[in-house]
Amino acid sequence: MNIVKVVAAVIREKDKIFATQRGYGAFEGGWEFPGGKPEEGETAQEALVREIKEELDIEIAVGELIDTVEYDYPTFHLSMQCFWCEVVSGTLTLKEHKAAKWLGEDELQAVEWLPADVNLVKKIGRLMRGEHKK
């Protein structure tokens, strides 16, 4: 099975995270975290900075790795490294997605996540709840 390696940015601002809705391809309409495929010689972090600049026209700071999601879609295997990120500068502009939302921990299930993101979103929710208790 073909392995597709991608990186995803879980962009956080205070107690909300940024979700985007795909505007193209087989999974159009599904919700995901923005990101994309690293280019030859790029680190995951470098790829995320570049992809987010291309997709959303903002500069981000990439934080710690949340998880690496391994998921089998019918035609390929997805290996997705997901990092906490924050906006450093710029104004969020959707260039490739058809919609976006800032979601609080209690709103994470309000959108239809792509299959590979479902367990990741549950983990993010647990991490966000844990932070509120500190």
N, C-alpha and C. Protein backbone atom coordinates (compact mmCIF):
# COMPACT_ATOMS: atom_id res chain seq x y z
N MET A 1 0.85 -1.19 0.00
CA MET A 1 0.00 0.00 0.00
C MET A 1 0.89 1.25 0.00
N ASN A 2 0.49 2.23 -0.75
CA ASN A 2 1.23 3.48 -0.85
C ASN A 2 1.17 4.23 0.50
N ILE A 3 2.32 4.69 0.99
CA ILE A 3 2.38 5.45 2.24
C ILE A 3 2.49 6.93 1.90
N VAL A 4 1.59 7.73 2.47
CA VAL A 4 1.60 9.18 2.28
C VAL A 4 1.99 9.81 3.61
N LYS A 5 3.13 10.51 3.61
CA LYS A 5 3.60 11.18 4.84
C LYS A 5 3.23 12.65 4.77
N VAL A 6 2.55 13.12 5.83
CA VAL A 6 2.15 14.52 5.89
C VAL A 6 2.43 15.07 7.30
N VAL A 7 2.38 16.39 7.38
CA VAL A 7 2.48 17.09 8.66
C VAL A 7 1.24 17.94 8.83
N ALA A 8 0.79 18.10 10.08
CA ALA A 8 -0.42 18.87 10.34
C ALA A 8 -0.18 19.82 11.51
N ALA A 9 -0.75 21.02 11.38
CA ALA A 9 -0.63 22.05 12.40
C ALA A 9 -1.91 22.14 13.22
N VAL A 10 -1.79 21.91 14.51
CA VAL A 10 -2.91 22.14 15.41
C VAL A 10 -2.66 23.53 15.99
N ILE A 11 -3.23 24.52 15.31
CA ILE A 11 -2.98 25.92 15.66
C ILE A 11 -3.87 26.29 16.85
N ARG A 12 -3.22 26.76 17.89
CA ARG A 12 -3.92 27.04 19.14
C ARG A 12 -3.85 28.54 19.45
N GLU A 13 -4.97 29.06 19.90
CA GLU A 13 -5.00 30.44 20.38
C GLU A 13 -5.86 30.45 21.63
N LYS A 14 -5.26 30.73 22.76
CA LYS A 14 -5.91 30.64 24.06
C LYS A 14 -6.50 29.24 24.23
N ASP A 15 -7.83 29.13 24.34
CA ASP A 15 -8.44 27.81 24.57
C ASP A 15 -9.17 27.29 23.34
N LYS A 16 -8.74 27.73 22.16
CA LYS A 16 -9.39 27.26 20.93
C LYS A 16 -8.34 26.73 19.95
N ILE A 17 -8.77 25.82 19.09
CA ILE A 17 -7.90 25.32 18.02
C ILE A 17 -8.56 25.60 16.67
N PHE A 18 -7.72 25.67 15.65
CA PHE A 18 -8.16 26.06 14.32
C PHE A 18 -8.37 24.82 13.45
N ALA A 19 -9.57 24.69 12.91
CA ALA A 19 -9.90 23.56 12.02
C ALA A 19 -10.27 24.10 10.65
N THR A 20 -9.90 23.36 9.61
CA THR A 20 -10.20 23.78 8.25
C THR A 20 -11.01 22.71 7.52
N GLN A 21 -11.85 23.17 6.60
CA GLN A 21 -12.68 22.26 5.80
C GLN A 21 -12.10 22.16 4.40
N ARG A 22 -11.85 20.92 3.97
CA ARG A 22 -11.25 20.70 2.65
C ARG A 22 -12.15 21.23 1.55
N GLY A 23 -11.52 21.89 0.59
CA GLY A 23 -12.28 22.45 -0.52
C GLY A 23 -12.02 21.74 -1.83
N TYR A 24 -11.35 20.58 -1.77
CA TYR A 24 -10.94 19.90 -3.00
C TYR A 24 -10.72 18.41 -2.73
N GLY A 25 -10.68 17.63 -3.78
CA GLY A 25 -10.27 16.23 -3.70
C GLY A 25 -11.33 15.28 -3.20
N ALA A 26 -10.88 14.05 -2.99
CA ALA A 26 -11.78 12.96 -2.60
C ALA A 26 -12.44 13.22 -1.25
N PHE A 27 -11.79 13.99 -0.39
CA PHE A 27 -12.33 14.21 0.95
C PHE A 27 -12.90 15.61 1.11
N GLU A 28 -13.30 16.23 -0.01
CA GLU A 28 -13.86 17.57 0.03
C GLU A 28 -15.02 17.64 1.02
N GLY A 29 -15.01 18.70 1.83
CA GLY A 29 -16.08 18.89 2.81
C GLY A 29 -15.73 18.38 4.19
N GLY A 30 -14.74 17.47 4.28
CA GLY A 30 -14.32 16.96 5.58
C GLY A 30 -13.45 17.97 6.31
N TRP A 31 -13.44 17.90 7.63
CA TRP A 31 -12.65 18.82 8.45
C TRP A 31 -11.33 18.19 8.84
N GLU A 32 -10.31 19.03 8.90
CA GLU A 32 -8.95 18.55 9.16
C GLU A 32 -8.13 19.69 9.76
N PHE A 33 -6.89 19.34 10.11
CA PHE A 33 -5.93 20.36 10.52
C PHE A 33 -5.09 20.69 9.29
N PRO A 34 -4.79 21.97 9.08
CA PRO A 34 -4.03 22.35 7.88
C PRO A 34 -2.61 21.80 7.93
N GLY A 35 -2.04 21.63 6.74
CA GLY A 35 -0.68 21.11 6.63
C GLY A 35 -0.46 20.55 5.24
N GLY A 36 0.46 19.61 5.12
CA GLY A 36 0.72 19.03 3.81
C GLY A 36 1.94 18.13 3.82
N LYS A 37 2.44 17.85 2.63
CA LYS A 37 3.55 16.92 2.46
C LYS A 37 4.89 17.66 2.53
N PRO A 38 5.82 17.13 3.33
CA PRO A 38 7.17 17.70 3.34
C PRO A 38 7.83 17.51 1.97
N GLU A 39 8.63 18.48 1.57
CA GLU A 39 9.41 18.37 0.35
C GLU A 39 10.76 17.72 0.68
N GLU A 40 11.44 17.25 -0.34
CA GLU A 40 12.75 16.60 -0.19
C GLU A 40 13.67 17.48 0.66
N GLY A 41 14.23 16.89 1.72
CA GLY A 41 15.20 17.59 2.54
C GLY A 41 14.63 18.49 3.62
N GLU A 42 13.31 18.62 3.70
CA GLU A 42 12.68 19.46 4.72
C GLU A 42 12.41 18.67 6.00
N THR A 43 12.57 19.33 7.14
CA THR A 43 12.11 18.71 8.38
C THR A 43 10.59 18.88 8.44
N ALA A 44 9.97 18.14 9.36
CA ALA A 44 8.52 18.27 9.54
C ALA A 44 8.16 19.71 9.90
N GLN A 45 8.96 20.32 10.77
CA GLN A 45 8.68 21.68 11.21
C GLN A 45 8.82 22.68 10.06
N GLU A 46 9.86 22.53 9.26
CA GLU A 46 10.05 23.43 8.10
C GLU A 46 8.89 23.28 7.12
N ALA A 47 8.46 22.05 6.90
CA ALA A 47 7.33 21.80 5.99
C ALA A 47 6.07 22.47 6.50
N LEU A 48 5.84 22.39 7.79
CA LEU A 48 4.63 23.01 8.36
C LEU A 48 4.65 24.53 8.19
N VAL A 49 5.78 25.15 8.47
CA VAL A 49 5.89 26.60 8.32
C VAL A 49 5.59 26.99 6.87
N ARG A 50 6.16 26.26 5.92
CA ARG A 50 5.95 26.56 4.49
C ARG A 50 4.51 26.32 4.08
N GLU A 51 3.97 25.15 4.43
CA GLU A 51 2.60 24.80 4.03
C GLU A 51 1.57 25.79 4.60
N ILE A 52 1.74 26.16 5.86
CA ILE A 52 0.77 27.07 6.48
C ILE A 52 0.87 28.46 5.85
N LYS A 53 2.08 28.89 5.50
CA LYS A 53 2.24 30.17 4.79
C LYS A 53 1.51 30.09 3.45
N GLU A 54 1.66 28.96 2.73
CA GLU A 54 1.01 28.79 1.42
C GLU A 54 -0.51 28.70 1.54
N GLU A 55 -1.00 27.96 2.53
CA GLU A 55 -2.44 27.70 2.65
C GLU A 55 -3.21 28.81 3.36
N LEU A 56 -2.58 29.45 4.35
CA LEU A 56 -3.31 30.38 5.21
C LEU A 56 -2.70 31.77 5.29
N ASP A 57 -1.55 31.97 4.65
CA ASP A 57 -0.89 33.27 4.58
C ASP A 57 -0.50 33.82 5.96
N ILE A 58 -0.11 32.92 6.87
CA ILE A 58 0.36 33.35 8.19
C ILE A 58 1.71 32.70 8.49
N GLU A 59 2.42 33.31 9.43
CA GLU A 59 3.66 32.74 9.96
C GLU A 59 3.28 32.03 11.26
N ILE A 60 3.80 30.80 11.44
CA ILE A 60 3.52 30.07 12.67
C ILE A 60 4.82 29.69 13.37
N ALA A 61 4.69 29.45 14.66
CA ALA A 61 5.76 28.83 15.44
C ALA A 61 5.31 27.41 15.71
N VAL A 62 6.18 26.44 15.42
CA VAL A 62 5.85 25.03 15.61
C VAL A 62 6.34 24.58 16.98
N GLY A 63 5.43 24.03 17.75
CA GLY A 63 5.76 23.55 19.09
C GLY A 63 5.99 22.05 19.11
N GLU A 64 5.60 21.43 20.21
CA GLU A 64 5.90 20.01 20.39
C GLU A 64 4.97 19.11 19.58
N LEU A 65 5.48 17.92 19.31
CA LEU A 65 4.72 16.89 18.60
C LEU A 65 3.60 16.40 19.52
N ILE A 66 2.38 16.39 19.01
CA ILE A 66 1.24 15.87 19.78
C ILE A 66 1.17 14.36 19.59
N ASP A 67 1.25 13.94 18.33
CA ASP A 67 1.11 12.51 18.01
C ASP A 67 1.48 12.29 16.56
N THR A 68 1.81 11.05 16.23
CA THR A 68 1.94 10.63 14.84
C THR A 68 0.80 9.66 14.57
N VAL A 69 -0.10 10.08 13.70
CA VAL A 69 -1.29 9.28 13.39
C VAL A 69 -0.95 8.34 12.23
N GLU A 70 -1.24 7.07 12.42
CA GLU A 70 -1.10 6.07 11.35
C GLU A 70 -2.51 5.59 11.02
N TYR A 71 -2.94 5.77 9.77
CA TYR A 71 -4.31 5.45 9.42
C TYR A 71 -4.37 4.86 8.02
N ASP A 72 -5.11 3.75 7.88
CA ASP A 72 -5.29 3.11 6.58
C ASP A 72 -6.57 3.59 5.93
N TYR A 73 -6.42 4.38 4.86
CA TYR A 73 -7.54 4.71 3.99
C TYR A 73 -7.64 3.58 2.96
N PRO A 74 -8.73 3.50 2.20
CA PRO A 74 -8.88 2.39 1.23
C PRO A 74 -7.74 2.30 0.21
N THR A 75 -7.18 3.43 -0.22
CA THR A 75 -6.19 3.39 -1.30
C THR A 75 -4.78 3.78 -0.89
N PHE A 76 -4.59 4.19 0.39
CA PHE A 76 -3.25 4.55 0.84
C PHE A 76 -3.18 4.52 2.37
N HIS A 77 -1.95 4.48 2.89
CA HIS A 77 -1.71 4.56 4.33
C HIS A 77 -1.22 5.96 4.65
N LEU A 78 -1.87 6.63 5.59
CA LEU A 78 -1.48 7.97 5.99
C LEU A 78 -0.62 7.91 7.24
N SER A 79 0.52 8.58 7.19
CA SER A 79 1.38 8.77 8.36
C SER A 79 1.47 10.27 8.58
N MET A 80 0.82 10.76 9.65
CA MET A 80 0.66 12.20 9.84
C MET A 80 1.23 12.63 11.19
N GLN A 81 2.29 13.46 11.13
CA GLN A 81 2.86 14.05 12.34
C GLN A 81 2.08 15.33 12.65
N CYS A 82 1.57 15.43 13.88
CA CYS A 82 0.72 16.55 14.27
C CYS A 82 1.39 17.34 15.39
N PHE A 83 1.55 18.63 15.17
CA PHE A 83 2.26 19.49 16.11
C PHE A 83 1.37 20.62 16.63
N TRP A 84 1.59 20.99 17.90
CA TRP A 84 0.99 22.22 18.41
C TRP A 84 1.66 23.38 17.68
N CYS A 85 0.89 24.38 17.28
CA CYS A 85 1.43 25.56 16.61
C CYS A 85 0.70 26.79 17.11
N GLU A 86 1.35 27.95 16.92
CA GLU A 86 0.66 29.20 17.21
C GLU A 86 1.01 30.22 16.15
N VAL A 87 0.08 31.15 15.95
CA VAL A 87 0.26 32.19 14.96
C VAL A 87 1.26 33.22 15.50
N VAL A 88 2.27 33.52 14.68
CA VAL A 88 3.27 34.52 15.04
C VAL A 88 2.92 35.86 14.40
N SER A 89 2.53 35.82 13.12
CA SER A 89 2.15 37.06 12.43
C SER A 89 1.28 36.75 11.23
N GLY A 90 0.61 37.78 10.75
CA GLY A 90 -0.24 37.64 9.57
C GLY A 90 -1.71 37.53 9.94
N THR A 91 -2.54 37.56 8.90
CA THR A 91 -3.98 37.42 9.06
C THR A 91 -4.41 36.15 8.34
N LEU A 92 -5.11 35.29 9.05
CA LEU A 92 -5.56 34.03 8.46
C LEU A 92 -6.40 34.27 7.21
N THR A 93 -5.94 33.72 6.10
CA THR A 93 -6.64 33.85 4.82
C THR A 93 -6.75 32.46 4.21
N LEU A 94 -7.97 32.02 3.94
CA LEU A 94 -8.16 30.68 3.37
C LEU A 94 -7.84 30.70 1.88
N LYS A 95 -6.78 30.00 1.48
CA LYS A 95 -6.40 29.95 0.07
C LYS A 95 -6.80 28.62 -0.58
N GLU A 96 -6.88 27.55 0.20
CA GLU A 96 -7.20 26.24 -0.35
C GLU A 96 -8.42 25.60 0.29
N HIS A 97 -8.82 26.08 1.45
CA HIS A 97 -9.94 25.48 2.17
C HIS A 97 -11.22 26.29 1.93
N LYS A 98 -12.37 25.61 2.08
CA LYS A 98 -13.61 26.35 1.83
C LYS A 98 -14.21 26.94 3.09
N ALA A 99 -13.76 26.51 4.25
CA ALA A 99 -14.25 27.08 5.50
C ALA A 99 -13.24 26.80 6.61
N ALA A 100 -13.39 27.52 7.71
CA ALA A 100 -12.54 27.31 8.87
C ALA A 100 -13.28 27.76 10.10
N LYS A 101 -12.91 27.18 11.26
CA LYS A 101 -13.53 27.55 12.53
C LYS A 101 -12.50 27.46 13.63
N TRP A 102 -12.66 28.32 14.63
CA TRP A 102 -11.94 28.19 15.88
C TRP A 102 -12.86 27.40 16.80
N LEU A 103 -12.38 26.26 17.31
CA LEU A 103 -13.20 25.39 18.13
C LEU A 103 -12.65 25.29 19.55
N GLY A 104 -13.53 25.49 20.53
CA GLY A 104 -13.16 25.25 21.91
C GLY A 104 -13.21 23.77 22.20
N GLU A 105 -12.71 23.37 23.35
CA GLU A 105 -12.66 21.95 23.71
C GLU A 105 -14.05 21.31 23.65
N ASP A 106 -15.08 22.05 24.05
CA ASP A 106 -16.44 21.52 24.04
C ASP A 106 -17.10 21.55 22.66
N GLU A 107 -16.41 22.13 21.66
CA GLU A 107 -16.96 22.22 20.31
C GLU A 107 -16.26 21.28 19.32
N LEU A 108 -15.28 20.52 19.79
CA LEU A 108 -14.46 19.73 18.88
C LEU A 108 -15.26 18.73 18.06
N GLN A 109 -16.37 18.24 18.61
CA GLN A 109 -17.16 17.25 17.88
C GLN A 109 -18.26 17.90 17.03
N ALA A 110 -18.24 19.21 16.90
CA ALA A 110 -19.28 19.93 16.16
C ALA A 110 -19.07 19.89 14.65
N VAL A 111 -17.93 19.39 14.20
CA VAL A 111 -17.66 19.30 12.77
C VAL A 111 -17.39 17.84 12.40
N GLU A 112 -17.51 17.52 11.13
CA GLU A 112 -17.28 16.17 10.63
C GLU A 112 -15.82 16.00 10.25
N TRP A 113 -15.02 15.46 11.18
CA TRP A 113 -13.58 15.29 10.96
C TRP A 113 -13.32 14.18 9.96
N LEU A 114 -12.25 14.30 9.21
CA LEU A 114 -11.81 13.21 8.34
C LEU A 114 -11.46 12.01 9.22
N PRO A 115 -11.62 10.79 8.71
CA PRO A 115 -11.42 9.59 9.53
C PRO A 115 -10.08 9.54 10.28
N ALA A 116 -9.00 9.95 9.63
CA ALA A 116 -7.69 9.88 10.28
C ALA A 116 -7.58 10.83 11.47
N ASP A 117 -8.41 11.86 11.51
CA ASP A 117 -8.32 12.88 12.56
C ASP A 117 -9.16 12.58 13.79
N VAL A 118 -10.07 11.62 13.72
CA VAL A 118 -11.05 11.41 14.78
C VAL A 118 -10.37 11.12 16.13
N ASN A 119 -9.45 10.16 16.18
CA ASN A 119 -8.81 9.83 17.45
C ASN A 119 -7.87 10.94 17.90
N LEU A 120 -7.23 11.61 16.96
CA LEU A 120 -6.37 12.75 17.28
C LEU A 120 -7.18 13.84 17.97
N VAL A 121 -8.36 14.12 17.45
CA VAL A 121 -9.22 15.16 18.02
C VAL A 121 -9.62 14.79 19.46
N LYS A 122 -9.88 13.50 19.70
CA LYS A 122 -10.21 13.05 21.06
C LYS A 122 -9.02 13.31 21.99
N LYS A 123 -7.81 13.00 21.51
CA LYS A 123 -6.60 13.22 22.31
C LYS A 123 -6.41 14.72 22.59
N ILE A 124 -6.61 15.55 21.57
CA ILE A 124 -6.48 17.00 21.74
C ILE A 124 -7.48 17.50 22.78
N GLY A 125 -8.70 16.98 22.72
CA GLY A 125 -9.71 17.35 23.70
C GLY A 125 -9.27 17.01 25.12
N ARG A 126 -8.69 15.80 25.30
CA ARG A 126 -8.20 15.40 26.63
C ARG A 126 -7.06 16.33 27.07
N LEU A 127 -6.16 16.66 26.16
CA LEU A 127 -5.04 17.55 26.49
C LEU A 127 -5.55 18.94 26.85
N MET A 128 -6.54 19.43 26.11
CA MET A 128 -7.12 20.76 26.42
C MET A 128 -7.83 20.76 27.77
N ARG A 129 -8.55 19.68 28.08
CA ARG A 129 -9.22 19.59 29.39
C ARG A 129 -8.19 19.55 30.50
N GLY A 130 -7.11 18.82 30.28
CA GLY A 130 -6.04 18.72 31.27
C GLY A 130 -5.42 20.06 31.56
N GLU A 131 -5.27 20.89 30.52
CA GLU A 131 -4.67 22.21 30.70
C GLU A 131 -5.57 23.12 31.52
N HIS A 132 -6.90 22.95 31.41
CA HIS A 132 -7.83 23.80 32.16
C HIS A 132 -7.73 23.51 33.66
N LYS A 133 -7.31 22.30 34.02
CA LYS A 133 -7.29 21.90 35.42
C LYS A 133 -6.04 22.40 36.14
N LYS A 134 -5.03 22.84 35.39
CA LYS A 134 -3.77 23.27 36.01
C LYS A 134 -3.97 24.53 36.83
